[in-house]
Amino acid sequence: MRDKPTASARGGLRNVLALCMKISDNTNADCFFSYEPHCNSYSVSIHRDGWDSGEDADYIDMVTDITSESVAKTCAKLNEIYKELKEKER
């Protein structure tokens, strides 16, 4: 069992989840978030045109050590993808 994430990193995880929901709720994409507390890890996957059985995700981020830095990096990438998706849908 790994160390649990710091309070700052846990707050960042809430931001990752919020960004996943923002992407799924405001674009045609489906964004999935999975948290594995016993491993101190999480993953995010995005299907840019919506989820479809048998189709691989267009973006996958698997983080195996939750830190404030790793969470910030994921948030920055999700914000970038959100902006790209909104531009594409105009």
C-alpha atoms as a PDB file:
ATOM      1  CA  MET A   1       0.000   0.000   0.000  1.00  0.00           C
ATOM      2  CA  ARG A   2       1.310   3.431  -0.915  1.00  0.00           C
ATOM      3  CA  ASP A   3       1.086   6.661   1.021  1.00  0.00           C
ATOM      4  CA  LYS A   4      -2.182   8.520   0.707  1.00  0.00           C
ATOM      5  CA  PRO A   5      -2.214  11.763  -1.273  1.00  0.00           C
ATOM      6  CA  THR A   6      -1.674  15.019   0.607  1.00  0.00           C
ATOM      7  CA  ALA A   7      -4.600  17.326   1.306  1.00  0.00           C
ATOM      8  CA  SER A   8      -3.458  19.532  -1.565  1.00  0.00           C
ATOM      9  CA  ALA A   9      -3.318  16.592  -3.969  1.00  0.00           C
ATOM     10  CA  ARG A  10      -6.751  15.387  -2.810  1.00  0.00           C
ATOM     11  CA  GLY A  11      -8.149  18.835  -3.567  1.00  0.00           C
ATOM     12  CA  GLY A  12      -6.538  18.607  -6.980  1.00  0.00           C
ATOM     13  CA  LEU A  13      -8.256  15.260  -7.578  1.00  0.00           C
ATOM     14  CA  ARG A  14     -11.583  17.006  -7.048  1.00  0.00           C
ATOM     15  CA  ASN A  15     -10.514  19.475  -9.751  1.00  0.00           C
ATOM     16  CA  VAL A  16      -9.645  16.599 -12.115  1.00  0.00           C
ATOM     17  CA  LEU A  17     -13.084  15.082 -11.536  1.00  0.00           C
ATOM     18  CA  ALA A  18     -14.753  18.477 -12.053  1.00  0.00           C
ATOM     19  CA  LEU A  19     -12.889  18.947 -15.344  1.00  0.00           C
ATOM     20  CA  CYS A  20     -13.914  15.471 -16.505  1.00  0.00           C
ATOM     21  CA  MET A  21     -17.527  16.331 -15.766  1.00  0.00           C
ATOM     22  CA  LYS A  22     -17.145  19.701 -17.538  1.00  0.00           C
ATOM     23  CA  ILE A  23     -15.800  17.970 -20.653  1.00  0.00           C
ATOM     24  CA  SER A  24     -18.565  15.343 -20.647  1.00  0.00           C
ATOM     25  CA  ASP A  25     -21.340  17.845 -19.895  1.00  0.00           C
ATOM     26  CA  ASN A  26     -20.312  20.596 -22.341  1.00  0.00           C
ATOM     27  CA  THR A  27     -18.868  18.800 -25.362  1.00  0.00           C
ATOM     28  CA  ASN A  28     -19.589  15.727 -27.487  1.00  0.00           C
ATOM     29  CA  ALA A  29     -16.736  13.906 -25.729  1.00  0.00           C
ATOM     30  CA  ASP A  30     -17.025  11.369 -22.928  1.00  0.00           C
ATOM     31  CA  CYS A  31     -14.430  11.681 -20.184  1.00  0.00           C
ATOM     32  CA  PHE A  32     -13.855   8.893 -17.656  1.00  0.00           C
ATOM     33  CA  PHE A  33     -12.103   9.194 -14.282  1.00  0.00           C
ATOM     34  CA  SER A  34     -10.998   6.292 -12.110  1.00  0.00           C
ATOM     35  CA  TYR A  35      -9.412   6.596  -8.660  1.00  0.00           C
ATOM     36  CA  GLU A  36      -7.566   3.689  -7.028  1.00  0.00           C
ATOM     37  CA  PRO A  37      -6.909   4.772  -3.432  1.00  0.00           C
ATOM     38  CA  HIS A  38      -5.137   1.565  -2.434  1.00  0.00           C
ATOM     39  CA  CYS A  39      -2.511   2.278  -5.126  1.00  0.00           C
ATOM     40  CA  ASN A  40      -2.450   6.087  -4.784  1.00  0.00           C
ATOM     41  CA  SER A  41      -3.244   6.324  -8.493  1.00  0.00           C
ATOM     42  CA  TYR A  42      -5.868   7.558 -10.924  1.00  0.00           C
ATOM     43  CA  SER A  43      -6.573   7.511 -14.622  1.00  0.00           C
ATOM     44  CA  VAL A  44      -8.426   9.703 -17.068  1.00  0.00           C
ATOM     45  CA  SER A  45      -9.555   8.715 -20.541  1.00  0.00           C
ATOM     46  CA  ILE A  46     -11.325  10.780 -23.166  1.00  0.00           C
ATOM     47  CA  HIS A  47     -13.285   9.665 -26.203  1.00  0.00           C
ATOM     48  CA  ARG A  48     -13.417  12.857 -28.280  1.00  0.00           C
ATOM     49  CA  ASP A  49     -16.509  11.864 -30.285  1.00  0.00           C
ATOM     50  CA  GLY A  50     -18.236  10.046 -27.434  1.00  0.00           C
ATOM     51  CA  TRP A  51     -17.738   6.540 -26.110  1.00  0.00           C
ATOM     52  CA  ASP A  52     -18.400   3.653 -28.445  1.00  0.00           C
ATOM     53  CA  SER A  53     -17.951  -0.042 -27.690  1.00  0.00           C
ATOM     54  CA  GLY A  54     -14.736  -1.374 -29.121  1.00  0.00           C
ATOM     55  CA  GLU A  55     -13.212   2.052 -29.756  1.00  0.00           C
ATOM     56  CA  ASP A  56     -10.040   3.054 -27.921  1.00  0.00           C
ATOM     57  CA  ALA A  57      -9.814   6.333 -26.039  1.00  0.00           C
ATOM     58  CA  ASP A  58      -8.238   9.282 -27.839  1.00  0.00           C
ATOM     59  CA  TYR A  59      -6.444  10.408 -24.687  1.00  0.00           C
ATOM     60  CA  ILE A  60      -5.336   8.407 -21.650  1.00  0.00           C
ATOM     61  CA  ASP A  61      -3.490   9.673 -18.584  1.00  0.00           C
ATOM     62  CA  MET A  62      -2.500   7.111 -15.950  1.00  0.00           C
ATOM     63  CA  VAL A  63      -0.906   8.553 -12.814  1.00  0.00           C
ATOM     64  CA  THR A  64       0.696   6.072 -10.425  1.00  0.00           C
ATOM     65  CA  ASP A  65       1.814   8.494  -7.720  1.00  0.00           C
ATOM     66  CA  ILE A  66      -0.644  11.244  -6.821  1.00  0.00           C
ATOM     67  CA  THR A  67       1.168  14.487  -6.037  1.00  0.00           C
ATOM     68  CA  SER A  68       0.187  18.131  -6.333  1.00  0.00           C
ATOM     69  CA  GLU A  69       2.430  18.329  -9.400  1.00  0.00           C
ATOM     70  CA  SER A  70       0.927  15.301 -11.171  1.00  0.00           C
ATOM     71  CA  VAL A  71      -2.599  16.546 -10.521  1.00  0.00           C
ATOM     72  CA  ALA A  72      -1.727  20.045 -11.776  1.00  0.00           C
ATOM     73  CA  LYS A  73      -0.276  18.534 -14.960  1.00  0.00           C
ATOM     74  CA  THR A  74      -3.464  16.535 -15.561  1.00  0.00           C
ATOM     75  CA  CYS A  75      -5.648  19.598 -14.937  1.00  0.00           C
ATOM     76  CA  ALA A  76      -3.610  21.664 -17.393  1.00  0.00           C
ATOM     77  CA  LYS A  77      -3.952  18.961 -20.071  1.00  0.00           C
ATOM     78  CA  LEU A  78      -7.708  18.579 -19.453  1.00  0.00           C
ATOM     79  CA  ASN A  79      -8.191  22.349 -19.750  1.00  0.00           C
ATOM     80  CA  GLU A  80      -6.236  22.290 -23.017  1.00  0.00           C
ATOM     81  CA  ILE A  81      -8.345  19.428 -24.376  1.00  0.00           C
ATOM     82  CA  TYR A  82     -11.568  21.167 -23.292  1.00  0.00           C
ATOM     83  CA  LYS A  83     -10.588  24.314 -25.207  1.00  0.00           C
ATOM     84  CA  GLU A  84      -9.705  22.233 -28.297  1.00  0.00           C
ATOM     85  CA  LEU A  85     -13.034  20.420 -28.148  1.00  0.00           C
ATOM     86  CA  LYS A  86     -15.018  23.646 -27.807  1.00  0.00           C
ATOM     87  CA  GLU A  87     -13.139  25.147 -30.784  1.00  0.00           C
ATOM     88  CA  LYS A  88     -13.806  22.038 -32.866  1.00  0.00           C
ATOM     89  CA  GLU A  89     -17.536  22.181 -32.096  1.00  0.00           C
ATOM     90  CA  ARG A  90     -17.957  25.806 -33.188  1.00  0.00           C
END
